[in-house]
Amino acid sequence: MFALEDFVLHKPTGRLGKVIGYGHQILNGVYMTTLKVLVSEASDCEKKGFVKEDLYSAWIQAVKS
């Protein structure tokens, strides 16, 4: 599990952000853990600073340099 303030990378989109919370979604009757991430780096056409929530499995640990 990622800790609050950890930097994570969204595998499908490449967005980098910081974990600010947790949540859940119900998929096929099963609770799935989600991460709430404050996006700090995104492509030019996307806004920085928005909160992205997606399944925990869609994120990987990242190191912000």
PDB file of N, CA and C in Angstrom:
ATOM      1  N   MET A   1       0.855  -1.175   0.000  1.00  0.00           N
ATOM      2  CA  MET A   1       0.000   0.000   0.000  1.00  0.00           C
ATOM      3  C   MET A   1       0.894   1.228   0.000  1.00  0.00           C
ATOM      4  N   PHE A   2       0.535   2.211  -0.771  1.00  0.00           N
ATOM      5  CA  PHE A   2       1.269   3.464  -0.793  1.00  0.00           C
ATOM      6  C   PHE A   2       0.886   4.286   0.433  1.00  0.00           C
ATOM      7  N   ALA A   3       1.840   5.028   0.951  1.00  0.00           N
ATOM      8  CA  ALA A   3       1.595   5.916   2.086  1.00  0.00           C
ATOM      9  C   ALA A   3       1.182   7.287   1.571  1.00  0.00           C
ATOM     10  N   LEU A   4       0.513   8.049   2.419  1.00  0.00           N
ATOM     11  CA  LEU A   4       0.202   9.433   2.074  1.00  0.00           C
ATOM     12  C   LEU A   4       1.509  10.159   1.799  1.00  0.00           C
ATOM     13  N   GLU A   5       1.496  11.050   0.836  1.00  0.00           N
ATOM     14  CA  GLU A   5       2.648  11.848   0.414  1.00  0.00           C
ATOM     15  C   GLU A   5       3.610  11.089  -0.505  1.00  0.00           C
ATOM     16  N   ASP A   6       3.402   9.787  -0.746  1.00  0.00           N
ATOM     17  CA  ASP A   6       4.232   9.048  -1.700  1.00  0.00           C
ATOM     18  C   ASP A   6       3.969   9.566  -3.109  1.00  0.00           C
ATOM     19  N   PHE A   7       4.991   9.576  -3.937  1.00  0.00           N
ATOM     20  CA  PHE A   7       4.816   9.921  -5.340  1.00  0.00           C
ATOM     21  C   PHE A   7       4.522   8.650  -6.115  1.00  0.00           C
ATOM     22  N   VAL A   8       3.520   8.729  -6.979  1.00  0.00           N
ATOM     23  CA  VAL A   8       3.091   7.578  -7.762  1.00  0.00           C
ATOM     24  C   VAL A   8       2.934   7.973  -9.222  1.00  0.00           C
ATOM     25  N   LEU A   9       3.017   6.985 -10.079  1.00  0.00           N
ATOM     26  CA  LEU A   9       2.889   7.178 -11.522  1.00  0.00           C
ATOM     27  C   LEU A   9       1.695   6.374 -12.008  1.00  0.00           C
ATOM     28  N   HIS A  10       0.799   7.025 -12.757  1.00  0.00           N
ATOM     29  CA  HIS A  10      -0.381   6.365 -13.312  1.00  0.00           C
ATOM     30  C   HIS A  10       0.050   5.608 -14.560  1.00  0.00           C
ATOM     31  N   LYS A  11       0.013   4.277 -14.497  1.00  0.00           N
ATOM     32  CA  LYS A  11       0.522   3.449 -15.596  1.00  0.00           C
ATOM     33  C   LYS A  11      -0.130   3.750 -16.948  1.00  0.00           C
ATOM     34  N   PRO A  12      -1.459   3.854 -17.040  1.00  0.00           N
ATOM     35  CA  PRO A  12      -2.068   4.078 -18.358  1.00  0.00           C
ATOM     36  C   PRO A  12      -1.755   5.439 -18.995  1.00  0.00           C
ATOM     37  N   THR A  13      -1.592   6.493 -18.175  1.00  0.00           N
ATOM     38  CA  THR A  13      -1.441   7.843 -18.738  1.00  0.00           C
ATOM     39  C   THR A  13      -0.071   8.456 -18.527  1.00  0.00           C
ATOM     40  N   GLY A  14       0.713   7.935 -17.593  1.00  0.00           N
ATOM     41  CA  GLY A  14       2.017   8.508 -17.295  1.00  0.00           C
ATOM     42  C   GLY A  14       1.964   9.718 -16.388  1.00  0.00           C
ATOM     43  N   ARG A  15       0.813  10.014 -15.810  1.00  0.00           N
ATOM     44  CA  ARG A  15       0.702  11.157 -14.900  1.00  0.00           C
ATOM     45  C   ARG A  15       1.436  10.857 -13.599  1.00  0.00           C
ATOM     46  N   LEU A  16       2.141  11.859 -13.079  1.00  0.00           N
ATOM     47  CA  LEU A  16       2.866  11.747 -11.820  1.00  0.00           C
ATOM     48  C   LEU A  16       2.161  12.596 -10.787  1.00  0.00           C
ATOM     49  N   GLY A  17       2.032  12.079  -9.592  1.00  0.00           N
ATOM     50  CA  GLY A  17       1.389  12.851  -8.548  1.00  0.00           C
ATOM     51  C   GLY A  17       1.698  12.326  -7.167  1.00  0.00           C
ATOM     52  N   LYS A  18       1.074  12.964  -6.162  1.00  0.00           N
ATOM     53  CA  LYS A  18       1.301  12.624  -4.766  1.00  0.00           C
ATOM     54  C   LYS A  18       0.003  12.083  -4.170  1.00  0.00           C
ATOM     55  N   VAL A  19       0.115  10.969  -3.437  1.00  0.00           N
ATOM     56  CA  VAL A  19      -1.048  10.358  -2.800  1.00  0.00           C
ATOM     57  C   VAL A  19      -1.557  11.284  -1.705  1.00  0.00           C
ATOM     58  N   ILE A  20      -2.857  11.631  -1.792  1.00  0.00           N
ATOM     59  CA  ILE A  20      -3.454  12.500  -0.776  1.00  0.00           C
ATOM     60  C   ILE A  20      -4.622  11.825  -0.060  1.00  0.00           C
ATOM     61  N   GLY A  21      -4.969  10.613  -0.489  1.00  0.00           N
ATOM     62  CA  GLY A  21      -6.063   9.923   0.175  1.00  0.00           C
ATOM     63  C   GLY A  21      -6.365   8.586  -0.473  1.00  0.00           C
ATOM     64  N   TYR A  22      -7.328   7.925   0.103  1.00  0.00           N
ATOM     65  CA  TYR A  22      -7.754   6.611  -0.368  1.00  0.00           C
ATOM     66  C   TYR A  22      -9.263   6.616  -0.543  1.00  0.00           C
ATOM     67  N   GLY A  23      -9.754   5.677  -1.287  1.00  0.00           N
ATOM     68  CA  GLY A  23     -11.185   5.537  -1.482  1.00  0.00           C
ATOM     69  C   GLY A  23     -11.490   4.113  -1.897  1.00  0.00           C
ATOM     70  N   HIS A  24     -12.674   3.933  -2.454  1.00  0.00           N
ATOM     71  CA  HIS A  24     -13.040   2.613  -2.957  1.00  0.00           C
ATOM     72  C   HIS A  24     -14.087   2.751  -4.046  1.00  0.00           C
ATOM     73  N   GLN A  25     -14.148   1.744  -4.888  1.00  0.00           N
ATOM     74  CA  GLN A  25     -15.184   1.614  -5.900  1.00  0.00           C
ATOM     75  C   GLN A  25     -15.734   0.205  -5.779  1.00  0.00           C
ATOM     76  N   ILE A  26     -16.976   0.033  -6.144  1.00  0.00           N
ATOM     77  CA  ILE A  26     -17.550  -1.306  -6.170  1.00  0.00           C
ATOM     78  C   ILE A  26     -17.614  -1.747  -7.627  1.00  0.00           C
ATOM     79  N   LEU A  27     -16.866  -2.796  -7.940  1.00  0.00           N
ATOM     80  CA  LEU A  27     -16.840  -3.368  -9.284  1.00  0.00           C
ATOM     81  C   LEU A  27     -17.260  -4.825  -9.199  1.00  0.00           C
ATOM     82  N   ASN A  28     -18.314  -5.172  -9.892  1.00  0.00           N
ATOM     83  CA  ASN A  28     -18.836  -6.547  -9.870  1.00  0.00           C
ATOM     84  C   ASN A  28     -19.105  -7.022  -8.447  1.00  0.00           C
ATOM     85  N   GLY A  29     -19.611  -6.130  -7.608  1.00  0.00           N
ATOM     86  CA  GLY A  29     -19.962  -6.486  -6.242  1.00  0.00           C
ATOM     87  C   GLY A  29     -18.786  -6.595  -5.287  1.00  0.00           C
ATOM     88  N   VAL A  30     -17.604  -6.167  -5.709  1.00  0.00           N
ATOM     89  CA  VAL A  30     -16.406  -6.267  -4.880  1.00  0.00           C
ATOM     90  C   VAL A  30     -15.851  -4.862  -4.637  1.00  0.00           C
ATOM     91  N   TYR A  31     -15.512  -4.563  -3.372  1.00  0.00           N
ATOM     92  CA  TYR A  31     -14.880  -3.289  -3.055  1.00  0.00           C
ATOM     93  C   TYR A  31     -13.436  -3.314  -3.545  1.00  0.00           C
ATOM     94  N   MET A  32     -13.073  -2.319  -4.337  1.00  0.00           N
ATOM     95  CA  MET A  32     -11.713  -2.192  -4.852  1.00  0.00           C
ATOM     96  C   MET A  32     -11.120  -0.892  -4.306  1.00  0.00           C
ATOM     97  N   THR A  33      -9.891  -0.954  -3.823  1.00  0.00           N
ATOM     98  CA  THR A  33      -9.222   0.219  -3.271  1.00  0.00           C
ATOM     99  C   THR A  33      -8.823   1.179  -4.387  1.00  0.00           C
ATOM    100  N   THR A  34      -9.029   2.460  -4.133  1.00  0.00           N
ATOM    101  CA  THR A  34      -8.607   3.497  -5.069  1.00  0.00           C
ATOM    102  C   THR A  34      -7.642   4.440  -4.357  1.00  0.00           C
ATOM    103  N   LEU A  35      -6.866   5.148  -5.159  1.00  0.00           N
ATOM    104  CA  LEU A  35      -5.995   6.195  -4.636  1.00  0.00           C
ATOM    105  C   LEU A  35      -6.504   7.540  -5.116  1.00  0.00           C
ATOM    106  N   LYS A  36      -6.422   8.518  -4.251  1.00  0.00           N
ATOM    107  CA  LYS A  36      -6.695   9.895  -4.639  1.00  0.00           C
ATOM    108  C   LYS A  36      -5.338  10.576  -4.733  1.00  0.00           C
ATOM    109  N   VAL A  37      -5.037  11.082  -5.922  1.00  0.00           N
ATOM    110  CA  VAL A  37      -3.700  11.601  -6.205  1.00  0.00           C
ATOM    111  C   VAL A  37      -3.803  13.031  -6.704  1.00  0.00           C
ATOM    112  N   LEU A  38      -2.994  13.909  -6.121  1.00  0.00           N
ATOM    113  CA  LEU A  38      -2.875  15.280  -6.601  1.00  0.00           C
ATOM    114  C   LEU A  38      -1.839  15.264  -7.712  1.00  0.00           C
ATOM    115  N   VAL A  39      -2.287  15.493  -8.932  1.00  0.00           N
ATOM    116  CA  VAL A  39      -1.412  15.384 -10.090  1.00  0.00           C
ATOM    117  C   VAL A  39      -0.480  16.584 -10.145  1.00  0.00           C
ATOM    118  N   SER A  40       0.820  16.291 -10.182  1.00  0.00           N
ATOM    119  CA  SER A  40       1.811  17.367 -10.202  1.00  0.00           C
ATOM    120  C   SER A  40       2.473  17.513 -11.564  1.00  0.00           C
ATOM    121  N   GLU A  41       2.425  16.446 -12.363  1.00  0.00           N
ATOM    122  CA  GLU A  41       2.999  16.521 -13.704  1.00  0.00           C
ATOM    123  C   GLU A  41       2.053  15.827 -14.670  1.00  0.00           C
ATOM    124  N   ALA A  42       1.700  16.538 -15.724  1.00  0.00           N
ATOM    125  CA  ALA A  42       0.799  16.008 -16.743  1.00  0.00           C
ATOM    126  C   ALA A  42       1.229  16.580 -18.087  1.00  0.00           C
ATOM    127  N   SER A  43       0.698  16.019 -19.157  1.00  0.00           N
ATOM    128  CA  SER A  43       1.044  16.542 -20.479  1.00  0.00           C
ATOM    129  C   SER A  43       0.532  17.969 -20.620  1.00  0.00           C
ATOM    130  N   ASP A  44       1.039  18.677 -21.606  1.00  0.00           N
ATOM    131  CA  ASP A  44       0.707  20.092 -21.783  1.00  0.00           C
ATOM    132  C   ASP A  44      -0.787  20.362 -21.919  1.00  0.00           C
ATOM    133  N   CYS A  45      -1.528  19.418 -22.473  1.00  0.00           N
ATOM    134  CA  CYS A  45      -2.951  19.670 -22.709  1.00  0.00           C
ATOM    135  C   CYS A  45      -3.812  19.341 -21.488  1.00  0.00           C
ATOM    136  N   GLU A  46      -3.209  18.860 -20.411  1.00  0.00           N
ATOM    137  CA  GLU A  46      -3.960  18.523 -19.211  1.00  0.00           C
ATOM    138  C   GLU A  46      -3.603  19.486 -18.093  1.00  0.00           C
ATOM    139  N   LYS A  47      -4.520  19.656 -17.167  1.00  0.00           N
ATOM    140  CA  LYS A  47      -4.291  20.576 -16.059  1.00  0.00           C
ATOM    141  C   LYS A  47      -3.487  19.898 -14.955  1.00  0.00           C
ATOM    142  N   LYS A  48      -2.539  20.636 -14.412  1.00  0.00           N
ATOM    143  CA  LYS A  48      -1.812  20.187 -13.234  1.00  0.00           C
ATOM    144  C   LYS A  48      -2.612  20.604 -12.018  1.00  0.00           C
ATOM    145  N   GLY A  49      -2.446  19.902 -10.928  1.00  0.00           N
ATOM    146  CA  GLY A  49      -3.090  20.290  -9.688  1.00  0.00           C
ATOM    147  C   GLY A  49      -4.472  19.708  -9.487  1.00  0.00           C
ATOM    148  N   PHE A  50      -4.972  18.902 -10.408  1.00  0.00           N
ATOM    149  CA  PHE A  50      -6.278  18.301 -10.191  1.00  0.00           C
ATOM    150  C   PHE A  50      -6.116  16.961  -9.487  1.00  0.00           C
ATOM    151  N   VAL A  51      -7.184  16.487  -8.884  1.00  0.00           N
ATOM    152  CA  VAL A  51      -7.152  15.224  -8.158  1.00  0.00           C
ATOM    153  C   VAL A  51      -7.677  14.123  -9.064  1.00  0.00           C
ATOM    154  N   LYS A  52      -6.887  13.077  -9.180  1.00  0.00           N
ATOM    155  CA  LYS A  52      -7.244  11.917  -9.987  1.00  0.00           C
ATOM    156  C   LYS A  52      -7.488  10.765  -9.027  1.00  0.00           C
ATOM    157  N   GLU A  53      -8.615  10.085  -9.179  1.00  0.00           N
ATOM    158  CA  GLU A  53      -8.893   8.898  -8.380  1.00  0.00           C
ATOM    159  C   GLU A  53      -9.031   7.719  -9.327  1.00  0.00           C
ATOM    160  N   ASP A  54      -8.290   6.685  -9.048  1.00  0.00           N
ATOM    161  CA  ASP A  54      -8.332   5.496  -9.893  1.00  0.00           C
ATOM    162  C   ASP A  54      -7.962   4.286  -9.045  1.00  0.00           C
ATOM    163  N   LEU A  55      -8.197   3.116  -9.599  1.00  0.00           N
ATOM    164  CA  LEU A  55      -7.893   1.892  -8.880  1.00  0.00           C
ATOM    165  C   LEU A  55      -6.434   1.847  -8.454  1.00  0.00           C
ATOM    166  N   TYR A  56      -6.200   1.322  -7.286  1.00  0.00           N
ATOM    167  CA  TYR A  56      -4.854   1.198  -6.733  1.00  0.00           C
ATOM    168  C   TYR A  56      -3.922   0.495  -7.714  1.00  0.00           C
ATOM    169  N   SER A  57      -4.428  -0.513  -8.400  1.00  0.00           N
ATOM    170  CA  SER A  57      -3.607  -1.312  -9.319  1.00  0.00           C
ATOM    171  C   SER A  57      -3.140  -0.526 -10.544  1.00  0.00           C
ATOM    172  N   ALA A  58      -3.702   0.654 -10.787  1.00  0.00           N
ATOM    173  CA  ALA A  58      -3.317   1.462 -11.943  1.00  0.00           C
ATOM    174  C   ALA A  58      -2.105   2.340 -11.659  1.00  0.00           C
ATOM    175  N   TRP A  59      -1.596   2.307 -10.426  1.00  0.00           N
ATOM    176  CA  TRP A  59      -0.501   3.178 -10.008  1.00  0.00           C
ATOM    177  C   TRP A  59       0.731   2.368  -9.625  1.00  0.00           C
ATOM    178  N   ILE A  60       1.918   2.960  -9.832  1.00  0.00           N
ATOM    179  CA  ILE A  60       3.158   2.362  -9.374  1.00  0.00           C
ATOM    180  C   ILE A  60       3.950   3.418  -8.612  1.00  0.00           C
ATOM    181  N   GLN A  61       4.853   2.949  -7.753  1.00  0.00           N
ATOM    182  CA  GLN A  61       5.697   3.854  -6.978  1.00  0.00           C
ATOM    183  C   GLN A  61       6.588   4.653  -7.922  1.00  0.00           C
ATOM    184  N   ALA A  62       6.756   5.926  -7.640  1.00  0.00           N
ATOM    185  CA  ALA A  62       7.608   6.785  -8.459  1.00  0.00           C
ATOM    186  C   ALA A  62       8.545   7.551  -7.545  1.00  0.00           C
ATOM    187  N   VAL A  63       9.654   7.955  -8.095  1.00  0.00           N
ATOM    188  CA  VAL A  63      10.605   8.779  -7.348  1.00  0.00           C
ATOM    189  C   VAL A  63      10.646  10.132  -8.040  1.00  0.00           C
ATOM    190  N   LYS A  64      10.300  11.167  -7.314  1.00  0.00           N
ATOM    191  CA  LYS A  64      10.323  12.524  -7.893  1.00  0.00           C
ATOM    192  C   LYS A  64      11.727  13.071  -7.747  1.00  0.00           C
ATOM    193  N   SER A  65      12.293  13.468  -8.876  1.00  0.00           N
ATOM    194  CA  SER A  65      13.672  13.996  -8.831  1.00  0.00           C
ATOM    195  C   SER A  65      13.694  15.500  -8.811  1.00  0.00           C
TER     196      SER A  65
END
